Amino acid sequence: MIATSALSHCARPVRRSVLGSFLALVLLGAASTLVPEPALARGPDGIADVAEKVIDAVVNISTSQTIEAKNDGRGGAIPQLPPGSPFEEFFEDFFKNRRVPGGKGGGSELQPRKTNSLGSGFIVDTAGVVVTNNHVIADADEINVIMNDGTKIKAEIVGVDKKTDLAVLKFKPPKDLVAVKFGDSDKLRLGDWVIAIGNPFSLGGTVTAGIVSAKNRDISSGPYDSYIQTDAAINRGNSGGPLFNLDGEVIGVNTLIISPSGGSIGLGFAVPSKTVAGVVDQLRQFGELRRGWLGVRIQPVTDEIADSLSIKPARGALIAGVDDKGPAKPAGIEPGDVVVKFDGKDIKEPKDLSRIVADTAVGKEVEVIVIRKGEEQTLKVTLGRLEDTDKAQPAAIKKDEPAEKVVTQKALGLDLAALSKDLRGKYKIKDSVKGVIVTGVDATSDAADKHLSAGDVIVEVAQEAVASAADIKKRTDQLKKDGKKTVLLLVSNGDGELRFVALSLQ
């Protein structure tokens, strides 16, 4: 279970009996284990120096939000206590089960109320510029920055980026401030010591230390995942706080934890400073993110797809579709191309391409190396700007004409038919989609294992367009004669979104 460092600054208390048993077990265990050498137990000597140097640049972020009162079902309001309060369950049970005189409704109107939450942040400019997580300040009516000495100042939002969960705030400094600088997260090595400072459980100014457990970690929380994983203790309220190296430079922003209980189990994740620095610069300059856009849909290059395309070893990002209005089309990038290098940087998997394109300046001309039909080609593309747009809805299809007879043919464990008006209507397939429609799938076939289903449209077989089931059978028979073990299909859904699927010919 993946849990973000919650905005709430309270945690459910451990019952005393359970806590007592736990402490007993710990003490008993300690008696039977070897005590580590003091030098090995305390870690590097520089932690105290770093903490003293940067502690005044780390701030608490306090927010308030107006919410609607929660109805108890009988016209009354359930008091909204901090999550984890020892009275939380008592009040919920009492108000849900109590009888209200006068019956349902009670004759009173529920009033909205304010809730407060706490997170962390850090000062990057003595003019009063603070970096934190977007989820710390999201939907807040009021935001305050609390300094290490307790000084509280109202702050305003400069800009936010939901895709990386980052936000920049600004406040008017009441006195001289301490600011910290970004370090180079790319220089981090596994095992390097790091220091986290933040506001866990509203305790404020808390320092923890650990090591870099992993780099470039993708936990599928967003489109540009590339987290630093650390075992430094990160808990609720640490969100938005800095992760330092031993030089006192910020090399990450603590954002997520993985935990079954909501508390630290040594699996914390920080957005790397290389990403943060770029986002912060753009938010300060433009108040928004201006990401590069290539205009393609991509998918992984599996071993089977690599074999079909004669790529050894399997690597890169497979172009599954090209936007007609995007920069890739005039540059000559085509479906079936595999991008292995972009702007001089190696592309090992699709996420690499997504991150690098997003980080590249809008309007920049870059070289793209692709593998097309087994050979490398170098293309040049001028990047556009990524815009967040709503997905277009498929057009309604009229069904007032007589039904047509469907003739199917079997191949590759699929029932295949020519696209007709009736089939387009039945499976909601746009007129722009061309190819051969799948009307059934053998449950025991490789096609079923690869999640092909009725309504999918086969556009190409082995990078050649097909218009009938006979075309597909002819192509696959030839590939078998040529000794091929797999066949690569270009498959479209009803909206015209493409993907490649490699099926076994054996």
Protein backbone atom coordinates (compact mmCIF):
# COMPACT_ATOMS: atom_id res chain seq x y z
CA MET A 1 0.00 0.00 0.00
CA ILE A 2 1.37 3.39 -0.92
CA ALA A 3 0.53 6.22 1.43
CA THR A 4 1.47 9.84 0.97
CA SER A 5 2.76 11.58 4.07
CA ALA A 6 -0.66 12.62 5.30
CA LEU A 7 -1.62 16.26 5.75
CA SER A 8 -2.96 15.44 9.18
CA HIS A 9 -0.41 15.90 11.96
CA CYS A 10 -1.97 13.36 14.32
CA ALA A 11 -1.52 9.58 14.32
CA ARG A 12 -3.64 6.87 15.92
CA PRO A 13 -2.09 6.15 19.34
CA VAL A 14 -0.89 2.64 20.16
CA ARG A 15 -2.93 1.00 22.95
CA ARG A 16 -1.02 0.93 26.23
CA SER A 17 -1.23 -2.85 26.62
CA VAL A 18 0.11 -3.42 23.11
CA LEU A 19 2.83 -0.83 23.62
CA GLY A 20 3.87 -2.40 26.92
CA SER A 21 4.16 -5.84 25.32
CA PHE A 22 6.12 -4.40 22.43
CA LEU A 23 8.59 -2.67 24.77
CA ALA A 24 9.00 -5.89 26.73
CA LEU A 25 9.82 -7.77 23.57
CA VAL A 26 12.34 -5.12 22.54
CA LEU A 27 14.04 -5.19 25.94
CA LEU A 28 14.16 -8.96 26.02
CA GLY A 29 15.56 -9.03 22.51
CA ALA A 30 18.21 -6.48 23.38
CA ALA A 31 19.48 -8.65 26.20
CA SER A 32 20.26 -11.49 23.82
CA THR A 33 21.97 -9.55 21.05
CA LEU A 34 25.39 -8.09 20.62
CA VAL A 35 25.70 -4.34 21.14
CA PRO A 36 27.20 -2.71 18.04
CA GLU A 37 30.40 -0.70 18.22
CA PRO A 38 29.61 2.95 19.13
CA ALA A 39 31.41 4.31 16.05
CA LEU A 40 29.34 2.13 13.74
CA ALA A 41 26.06 2.88 15.52
CA ARG A 42 26.21 6.69 15.38
CA GLY A 43 26.97 7.05 11.66
CA PRO A 44 29.18 9.81 10.21
CA ASP A 45 30.45 12.61 12.44
CA GLY A 46 29.15 15.39 10.17
CA ILE A 47 25.41 15.00 10.87
CA ALA A 48 25.34 17.39 13.84
CA ASP A 49 27.27 20.05 11.91
CA VAL A 50 24.89 19.83 8.94
CA ALA A 51 21.79 19.96 11.14
CA GLU A 52 23.07 23.03 12.99
CA LYS A 53 23.90 24.75 9.71
CA VAL A 54 20.54 24.24 7.95
CA ILE A 55 17.92 23.88 10.70
CA ASP A 56 16.78 27.52 10.50
CA ALA A 57 16.04 27.15 6.76
CA VAL A 58 13.53 24.35 7.42
CA VAL A 59 10.00 25.56 8.17
CA ASN A 60 6.63 24.16 9.15
CA ILE A 61 3.71 24.74 6.78
CA SER A 62 0.38 25.30 8.53
CA THR A 63 -2.82 25.35 6.48
CA SER A 64 -6.51 25.77 7.21
CA GLN A 65 -9.46 24.74 5.10
CA THR A 66 -13.22 25.27 5.42
CA ILE A 67 -15.21 22.05 5.07
CA GLU A 68 -18.84 21.08 5.31
CA ALA A 69 -19.99 19.61 8.62
CA LYS A 70 -20.47 15.83 8.61
CA ASN A 71 -24.08 14.78 9.18
CA ASP A 72 -24.76 12.01 11.68
CA GLY A 73 -27.84 10.89 9.72
CA ARG A 74 -30.27 12.37 12.26
CA GLY A 75 -29.80 16.05 11.58
CA GLY A 76 -26.86 16.52 13.94
CA ALA A 77 -23.17 17.07 13.25
CA ILE A 78 -20.40 14.69 14.24
CA PRO A 79 -17.47 16.64 15.75
CA GLN A 80 -14.50 16.44 13.37
CA LEU A 81 -11.60 15.45 15.62
CA PRO A 82 -7.98 15.13 14.49
CA PRO A 83 -7.42 11.67 12.92
CA GLY A 84 -6.13 9.26 15.53
CA SER A 85 -7.67 11.10 18.47
CA PRO A 86 -8.44 8.67 21.35
CA PHE A 87 -11.99 10.12 21.37
CA GLU A 88 -12.57 9.67 17.62
CA GLU A 89 -14.34 6.30 17.78
CA PHE A 90 -16.29 7.28 20.91
CA PHE A 91 -17.74 10.43 19.34
CA GLU A 92 -18.54 8.68 16.06
CA ASP A 93 -20.41 5.87 17.80
CA PHE A 94 -22.20 8.24 20.18
CA PHE A 95 -23.43 10.66 17.53
CA LYS A 96 -24.40 7.98 15.03
CA ASN A 97 -26.39 5.96 17.57
CA ARG A 98 -27.92 8.73 19.70
CA ARG A 99 -31.58 9.61 19.36
CA VAL A 100 -32.37 13.21 18.42
CA PRO A 101 -35.59 14.60 19.99
CA GLY A 102 -38.11 15.57 17.34
CA GLY A 103 -36.99 12.86 14.92
CA LYS A 104 -34.92 13.16 11.73
CA GLY A 105 -33.56 16.60 10.93
CA GLY A 106 -33.60 18.07 14.43
CA GLY A 107 -34.62 21.45 13.02
CA SER A 108 -31.05 22.84 12.93
CA GLU A 109 -28.83 23.69 9.99
CA LEU A 110 -25.28 22.29 9.87
CA GLN A 111 -22.55 24.92 9.76
CA PRO A 112 -19.24 24.61 7.85
CA ARG A 113 -16.10 24.47 9.96
CA LYS A 114 -12.35 24.86 9.61
CA THR A 115 -9.72 22.13 9.80
CA ASN A 116 -6.00 22.62 10.26
CA SER A 117 -3.07 20.56 9.00
CA LEU A 118 0.71 20.70 9.08
CA GLY A 119 3.55 19.84 6.73
CA SER A 120 7.14 20.87 6.07
CA GLY A 121 9.08 23.09 3.68
CA PHE A 122 12.40 24.85 3.24
CA ILE A 123 13.65 28.32 2.29
CA VAL A 124 15.56 28.57 -1.01
CA ASP A 125 15.81 32.36 -1.19
CA THR A 126 16.28 34.87 1.64
CA ALA A 127 13.56 36.98 -0.05
CA GLY A 128 11.11 34.50 1.50
CA VAL A 129 10.74 31.77 -1.13
CA VAL A 130 9.74 28.35 0.21
CA VAL A 131 9.51 24.93 -1.48
CA THR A 132 7.07 22.27 -0.27
CA ASN A 133 4.76 19.54 -1.61
CA ASN A 134 1.62 20.45 -3.52
CA HIS A 135 -0.45 18.02 -1.43
CA VAL A 136 0.58 19.92 1.72
CA ILE A 137 -1.14 23.12 0.58
CA ALA A 138 -3.77 21.78 -1.85
CA ASP A 139 -7.28 23.26 -1.34
CA ALA A 140 -6.07 25.40 1.59
CA ASP A 141 -7.91 28.64 2.36
CA GLU A 142 -4.98 30.02 4.35
CA ILE A 143 -1.28 29.10 4.42
CA ASN A 144 1.21 30.08 7.11
CA VAL A 145 4.95 29.50 7.37
CA ILE A 146 6.22 28.79 10.89
CA MET A 147 9.92 29.48 11.42
CA ASN A 148 12.18 27.38 13.62
CA ASP A 149 11.90 29.97 16.42
CA GLY A 150 8.07 29.84 16.28
CA THR A 151 7.51 33.01 14.23
CA LYS A 152 4.36 32.59 12.11
CA ILE A 153 3.93 34.47 8.80
CA LYS A 154 1.15 34.29 6.22
CA ALA A 155 2.30 32.94 2.82
CA GLU A 156 0.89 32.95 -0.69
CA ILE A 157 1.22 30.47 -3.54
CA VAL A 158 3.66 31.33 -6.35
CA GLY A 159 2.86 28.19 -8.37
CA VAL A 160 2.21 24.46 -8.13
CA ASP A 161 2.99 21.39 -10.23
CA LYS A 162 0.67 18.47 -9.54
CA LYS A 163 2.63 16.02 -11.71
CA THR A 164 5.71 16.23 -9.47
CA ASP A 165 3.72 17.20 -6.34
CA LEU A 166 5.74 20.38 -5.80
CA ALA A 167 4.74 23.90 -4.80
CA VAL A 168 6.51 27.24 -4.32
CA LEU A 169 5.33 29.73 -1.68
CA LYS A 170 6.35 33.28 -0.88
CA PHE A 171 6.15 35.28 2.37
CA LYS A 172 7.41 38.64 3.59
CA PRO A 173 10.46 38.05 5.83
CA PRO A 174 10.17 39.59 9.30
CA LYS A 175 13.94 39.30 9.73
CA ASP A 176 17.07 37.99 8.00
CA LEU A 177 16.57 34.44 6.78
CA VAL A 178 18.76 31.39 6.24
CA ALA A 179 18.41 29.76 2.80
CA VAL A 180 19.68 26.42 1.50
CA LYS A 181 20.97 25.45 -1.93
CA PHE A 182 20.23 22.51 -4.19
CA GLY A 183 22.88 19.85 -4.64
CA ASP A 184 23.32 17.46 -7.57
CA SER A 185 21.13 14.41 -6.98
CA ASP A 186 22.73 12.68 -9.98
CA LYS A 187 25.97 12.39 -7.98
CA LEU A 188 24.34 10.40 -5.20
CA ARG A 189 25.55 6.85 -4.74
CA LEU A 190 23.80 3.93 -3.10
CA GLY A 191 24.78 3.91 0.56
CA ASP A 192 25.49 7.66 0.79
CA TRP A 193 24.34 9.18 4.08
CA VAL A 194 21.40 11.61 3.94
CA ILE A 195 19.60 13.73 6.54
CA ALA A 196 15.87 14.48 6.67
CA ILE A 197 14.55 17.47 8.63
CA GLY A 198 10.87 18.25 9.02
CA ASN A 199 7.74 18.38 11.12
CA PRO A 200 6.66 14.76 11.77
CA PHE A 201 3.46 14.50 13.81
CA SER A 202 3.71 18.29 14.45
CA LEU A 203 6.83 17.83 16.58
CA GLY A 204 8.77 20.37 14.47
CA GLY A 205 12.51 20.65 13.77
CA THR A 206 13.06 16.88 13.83
CA VAL A 207 16.31 15.48 12.40
CA THR A 208 16.64 11.90 11.18
CA ALA A 209 19.42 10.23 9.21
CA GLY A 210 19.81 7.23 6.93
CA ILE A 211 21.27 6.18 3.62
CA VAL A 212 20.29 6.27 -0.02
CA SER A 213 18.63 2.90 -0.48
CA ALA A 214 17.88 3.24 -4.21
CA LYS A 215 17.82 5.77 -7.04
CA ASN A 216 15.45 6.37 -9.96
CA ARG A 217 12.71 4.47 -8.15
CA ASP A 218 9.41 4.22 -10.05
CA ILE A 219 6.47 3.50 -7.74
CA SER A 220 3.78 4.42 -10.31
CA SER A 221 2.57 7.46 -8.41
CA GLY A 222 2.95 9.86 -11.35
CA PRO A 223 4.14 10.23 -14.95
CA TYR A 224 7.67 11.33 -14.02
CA ASP A 225 8.53 9.00 -11.13
CA SER A 226 12.25 8.92 -10.41
CA TYR A 227 12.43 8.96 -6.63
CA ILE A 228 15.35 8.73 -4.25
CA GLN A 229 14.56 5.94 -1.79
CA THR A 230 15.91 6.33 1.74
CA ASP A 231 15.65 4.54 5.08
CA ALA A 232 15.87 7.83 7.01
CA ALA A 233 12.74 8.04 9.17
CA ILE A 234 10.01 10.00 7.32
CA ASN A 235 6.56 10.26 8.86
CA ARG A 236 3.30 12.17 8.55
CA GLY A 237 4.13 15.86 8.55
CA ASN A 238 7.53 15.38 6.89
CA SER A 239 5.94 15.99 3.49
CA GLY A 240 7.63 18.86 1.68
CA GLY A 241 10.68 18.79 3.92
CA PRO A 242 14.26 18.63 2.61
CA LEU A 243 16.59 15.66 2.27
CA PHE A 244 20.20 16.84 2.69
CA ASN A 245 23.57 15.41 1.78
CA LEU A 246 26.50 15.76 4.20
CA ASP A 247 27.48 19.05 2.56
CA GLY A 248 24.19 20.60 3.70
CA GLU A 249 22.78 20.71 0.16
CA VAL A 250 19.18 19.76 -0.62
CA ILE A 251 19.24 16.65 -2.79
CA GLY A 252 15.55 15.79 -2.50
CA VAL A 253 12.07 16.74 -1.24
CA ASN A 254 10.51 14.13 1.05
CA THR A 255 7.13 13.25 -0.48
CA LEU A 256 5.95 9.65 -0.02
CA ILE A 257 6.24 6.68 2.27
CA ILE A 258 5.24 3.06 1.86
CA SER A 259 3.76 1.80 5.09
CA PRO A 260 0.99 -0.55 6.24
CA SER A 261 0.44 1.60 9.35
CA GLY A 262 1.10 5.16 8.17
CA GLY A 263 4.34 5.35 10.17
CA SER A 264 7.93 5.00 8.96
CA ILE A 265 9.18 1.49 8.22
CA GLY A 266 12.29 2.69 6.40
CA LEU A 267 10.69 3.11 2.96
CA GLY A 268 10.68 6.84 2.23
CA PHE A 269 10.79 8.57 -1.16
CA ALA A 270 12.05 12.00 -2.15
CA VAL A 271 11.75 13.90 -5.43
CA PRO A 272 15.39 14.35 -6.60
CA SER A 273 16.84 17.86 -6.55
CA LYS A 274 17.55 17.76 -10.29
CA THR A 275 13.80 17.60 -10.90
CA VAL A 276 12.93 20.00 -8.07
CA ALA A 277 15.36 22.72 -9.15
CA GLY A 278 13.94 22.82 -12.69
CA VAL A 279 10.33 22.89 -11.48
CA VAL A 280 11.07 25.62 -8.92
CA ASP A 281 12.82 27.80 -11.54
CA GLN A 282 9.83 27.59 -13.89
CA LEU A 283 7.26 28.18 -11.16
CA ARG A 284 9.15 31.26 -10.00
CA GLN A 285 9.56 32.54 -13.54
CA PHE A 286 6.20 31.67 -15.09
CA GLY A 287 3.95 30.55 -12.23
CA GLU A 288 3.41 27.28 -14.16
CA LEU A 289 5.30 24.42 -15.81
CA ARG A 290 6.22 24.58 -19.48
CA ARG A 291 7.22 21.04 -20.37
CA GLY A 292 8.53 19.74 -23.66
CA TRP A 293 6.16 17.71 -25.86
CA LEU A 294 7.01 15.16 -28.53
CA GLY A 295 3.48 14.11 -29.49
CA VAL A 296 3.80 10.32 -29.34
CA ARG A 297 2.37 7.38 -27.41
CA ILE A 298 4.98 4.95 -26.16
CA GLN A 299 5.18 1.48 -24.65
CA PRO A 300 7.90 -0.86 -23.35
CA VAL A 301 10.04 -3.00 -25.64
CA THR A 302 9.49 -6.53 -24.35
CA ASP A 303 11.78 -9.40 -25.29
CA GLU A 304 9.16 -10.66 -27.77
CA ILE A 305 8.76 -7.24 -29.38
CA ALA A 306 12.54 -6.83 -29.52
CA ASP A 307 12.80 -10.18 -31.30
CA SER A 308 10.12 -9.14 -33.81
CA LEU A 309 11.94 -5.87 -34.54
CA SER A 310 15.44 -7.40 -34.57
CA ILE A 311 16.60 -5.31 -31.60
CA LYS A 312 19.27 -6.79 -29.35
CA PRO A 313 19.25 -6.31 -26.42
CA ALA A 314 15.67 -5.21 -25.65
CA ARG A 315 15.76 -1.49 -24.87
CA GLY A 316 14.28 1.90 -25.69
CA ALA A 317 10.75 3.26 -26.01
CA LEU A 318 8.49 1.84 -28.72
CA ILE A 319 6.45 4.45 -30.60
CA ALA A 320 2.88 3.10 -30.57
CA GLY A 321 1.25 6.17 -32.06
CA VAL A 322 2.06 9.63 -33.43
CA ASP A 323 -0.13 12.68 -32.88
CA ASP A 324 -1.09 14.26 -36.22
CA LYS A 325 -0.58 17.73 -34.76
CA GLY A 326 2.54 16.95 -32.72
CA PRO A 327 6.23 17.72 -33.37
CA ALA A 328 7.13 14.06 -34.00
CA LYS A 329 5.12 13.72 -37.22
CA PRO A 330 6.92 16.39 -39.31
CA ALA A 331 10.22 15.11 -37.91
CA GLY A 332 9.53 11.72 -39.55
CA ILE A 333 8.99 9.64 -36.41
CA GLU A 334 6.67 6.71 -37.17
CA PRO A 335 4.75 4.02 -35.23
CA GLY A 336 7.07 1.04 -34.83
CA ASP A 337 10.18 3.18 -34.34
CA VAL A 338 12.12 2.47 -31.15
CA VAL A 339 13.74 5.53 -29.58
CA VAL A 340 17.10 4.56 -28.08
CA LYS A 341 18.65 8.01 -27.65
CA PHE A 342 17.14 11.48 -27.18
CA ASP A 343 19.19 14.67 -27.12
CA GLY A 344 22.35 12.67 -26.43
CA LYS A 345 20.83 10.70 -23.54
CA ASP A 346 20.32 6.94 -23.64
CA ILE A 347 16.73 5.70 -23.43
CA LYS A 348 16.51 2.36 -21.65
CA GLU A 349 12.75 2.35 -21.02
CA PRO A 350 9.68 4.50 -21.78
CA LYS A 351 9.86 6.40 -18.47
CA ASP A 352 13.31 7.69 -19.47
CA LEU A 353 11.89 9.26 -22.62
CA SER A 354 8.93 10.80 -20.78
CA ARG A 355 11.17 12.44 -18.18
CA ILE A 356 13.81 13.68 -20.60
CA VAL A 357 11.29 15.13 -23.06
CA ALA A 358 9.43 16.87 -20.22
CA ASP A 359 12.67 18.39 -18.92
CA THR A 360 13.77 19.63 -22.37
CA ALA A 361 13.12 23.28 -23.22
CA VAL A 362 10.12 24.05 -25.41
CA GLY A 363 11.24 25.00 -28.94
CA LYS A 364 14.62 23.27 -28.70
CA GLU A 365 15.74 21.22 -31.71
CA VAL A 366 17.15 17.86 -30.65
CA GLU A 367 18.51 14.74 -32.29
CA VAL A 368 16.53 11.54 -31.86
CA ILE A 369 18.07 8.16 -32.68
CA VAL A 370 15.53 5.47 -33.53
CA ILE A 371 15.75 1.86 -34.65
CA ARG A 372 13.51 1.29 -37.69
CA LYS A 373 13.29 -2.17 -39.22
CA GLY A 374 16.54 -3.20 -37.56
CA GLU A 375 18.59 -0.14 -38.55
CA GLU A 376 19.45 3.05 -36.66
CA GLN A 377 18.28 6.38 -38.05
CA THR A 378 18.94 9.89 -36.74
CA LEU A 379 16.08 12.37 -36.90
CA LYS A 380 15.75 15.98 -35.75
CA VAL A 381 12.69 17.27 -33.93
CA THR A 382 11.73 20.67 -32.53
CA LEU A 383 9.83 20.17 -29.28
CA GLY A 384 6.41 21.67 -28.68
CA ARG A 385 4.80 22.48 -25.34
CA LEU A 386 2.83 19.90 -23.39
CA GLU A 387 -0.74 21.00 -22.72
CA ASP A 388 -3.16 19.28 -20.35
CA THR A 389 -6.26 18.56 -22.44
CA ASP A 390 -9.35 16.52 -21.75
CA LYS A 391 -9.64 13.30 -23.68
CA ALA A 392 -11.98 13.64 -26.63
CA GLN A 393 -15.17 11.60 -26.46
CA PRO A 394 -16.02 9.25 -29.33
CA ALA A 395 -18.75 10.49 -31.63
CA ALA A 396 -22.19 8.96 -31.32
CA ILE A 397 -22.96 6.32 -33.93
CA LYS A 398 -26.37 5.86 -35.44
CA LYS A 399 -27.81 2.34 -35.50
CA ASP A 400 -30.89 2.77 -37.64
CA GLU A 401 -29.70 0.76 -40.66
CA PRO A 402 -30.33 -2.98 -41.25
CA ALA A 403 -27.78 -5.28 -39.68
CA GLU A 404 -25.05 -6.62 -41.94
CA LYS A 405 -23.95 -10.24 -42.00
CA VAL A 406 -20.56 -10.68 -40.30
CA VAL A 407 -18.10 -13.08 -41.95
CA THR A 408 -15.23 -14.12 -39.67
CA GLN A 409 -11.99 -15.97 -40.20
CA LYS A 410 -9.66 -17.49 -37.59
CA ALA A 411 -5.96 -16.67 -37.22
CA LEU A 412 -3.59 -16.39 -34.24
CA GLY A 413 -6.35 -17.53 -31.89
CA LEU A 414 -8.55 -14.64 -33.03
CA ASP A 415 -11.89 -14.36 -34.79
CA LEU A 416 -11.33 -11.64 -37.41
CA ALA A 417 -13.74 -9.67 -39.60
CA ALA A 418 -13.77 -6.71 -41.95
CA LEU A 419 -14.82 -3.44 -40.33
CA SER A 420 -18.46 -2.63 -41.15
CA LYS A 421 -20.86 0.07 -40.01
CA ASP A 422 -22.60 -2.39 -37.71
CA LEU A 423 -19.34 -3.52 -36.10
CA ARG A 424 -18.16 0.07 -35.71
CA GLY A 425 -21.43 0.86 -33.97
CA LYS A 426 -21.39 -2.24 -31.78
CA TYR A 427 -17.83 -1.68 -30.53
CA LYS A 428 -17.88 2.17 -30.74
CA ILE A 429 -15.02 2.41 -33.20
CA LYS A 430 -14.25 5.78 -34.76
CA ASP A 431 -14.39 6.19 -38.55
CA SER A 432 -10.70 7.15 -38.58
CA VAL A 433 -9.67 3.69 -37.35
CA LYS A 434 -8.75 1.34 -40.22
CA GLY A 435 -7.89 -2.35 -40.16
CA VAL A 436 -9.38 -5.73 -39.23
CA ILE A 437 -11.61 -6.07 -36.19
CA VAL A 438 -11.32 -8.80 -33.54
CA THR A 439 -14.75 -10.28 -32.78
CA GLY A 440 -13.60 -13.13 -30.53
CA VAL A 441 -10.52 -14.49 -28.74
CA ASP A 442 -9.63 -18.11 -27.93
CA ALA A 443 -9.26 -18.15 -24.13
CA THR A 444 -6.34 -20.61 -24.35
CA SER A 445 -4.37 -18.60 -26.93
CA ASP A 446 -1.36 -16.31 -26.60
CA ALA A 447 -3.64 -13.50 -27.79
CA ALA A 448 -5.77 -13.90 -24.67
CA ASP A 449 -2.67 -13.86 -22.49
CA LYS A 450 -1.66 -10.57 -24.15
CA HIS A 451 -5.09 -9.08 -23.35
CA LEU A 452 -6.43 -8.80 -26.89
CA SER A 453 -10.22 -8.65 -26.82
CA ALA A 454 -13.29 -8.25 -29.01
CA GLY A 455 -13.43 -4.71 -30.35
CA ASP A 456 -9.66 -4.37 -30.85
CA VAL A 457 -8.64 -3.51 -34.41
CA ILE A 458 -5.49 -4.92 -36.01
CA VAL A 459 -3.96 -2.12 -38.07
CA GLU A 460 -0.62 -3.66 -39.09
CA VAL A 461 1.02 -7.07 -39.12
CA ALA A 462 4.84 -7.05 -39.08
CA GLN A 463 4.72 -3.30 -39.85
CA GLU A 464 2.57 -3.72 -42.95
CA ALA A 465 -1.01 -2.41 -43.13
CA VAL A 466 -3.83 -4.97 -43.34
CA ALA A 467 -7.41 -4.54 -44.56
CA SER A 468 -8.83 -8.05 -44.29
CA ALA A 469 -8.50 -11.29 -42.36
CA ALA A 470 -6.96 -12.82 -45.50
CA ASP A 471 -4.16 -10.20 -45.33
CA ILE A 472 -3.38 -11.22 -41.77
CA LYS A 473 -3.32 -14.94 -42.58
CA LYS A 474 -1.10 -14.35 -45.62
CA ARG A 475 1.40 -12.30 -43.59
CA THR A 476 1.56 -14.76 -40.70
CA ASP A 477 1.98 -17.76 -43.04
CA GLN A 478 4.91 -16.02 -44.72
CA LEU A 479 6.54 -15.20 -41.39
CA LYS A 480 6.28 -18.86 -40.37
CA LYS A 481 7.97 -19.90 -43.62
CA ASP A 482 10.73 -17.38 -42.89
CA GLY A 483 11.36 -19.07 -39.55
CA LYS A 484 10.01 -16.25 -37.37
CA LYS A 485 8.87 -17.21 -33.87
CA THR A 486 6.75 -14.14 -33.19
CA VAL A 487 4.63 -11.67 -35.13
CA LEU A 488 4.27 -8.01 -34.21
CA LEU A 489 0.76 -6.55 -34.41
CA LEU A 490 -0.17 -2.87 -34.30
CA VAL A 491 -3.51 -2.78 -32.48
CA SER A 492 -5.96 0.09 -32.06
CA ASN A 493 -8.82 0.59 -29.63
CA GLY A 494 -12.06 2.29 -30.62
CA ASP A 495 -10.68 5.78 -29.98
CA GLY A 496 -7.68 5.20 -32.26
CA GLU A 497 -5.12 4.73 -29.48
CA LEU A 498 -2.42 2.33 -30.69
CA ARG A 499 -0.25 -0.28 -29.03
CA PHE A 500 2.06 -3.03 -30.23
CA VAL A 501 1.48 -6.67 -29.31
CA ALA A 502 3.87 -9.54 -30.07
CA LEU A 503 2.17 -12.95 -30.52
CA SER A 504 3.78 -16.34 -30.76
CA LEU A 505 3.62 -18.09 -34.16
CA GLN A 506 4.30 -21.49 -32.66
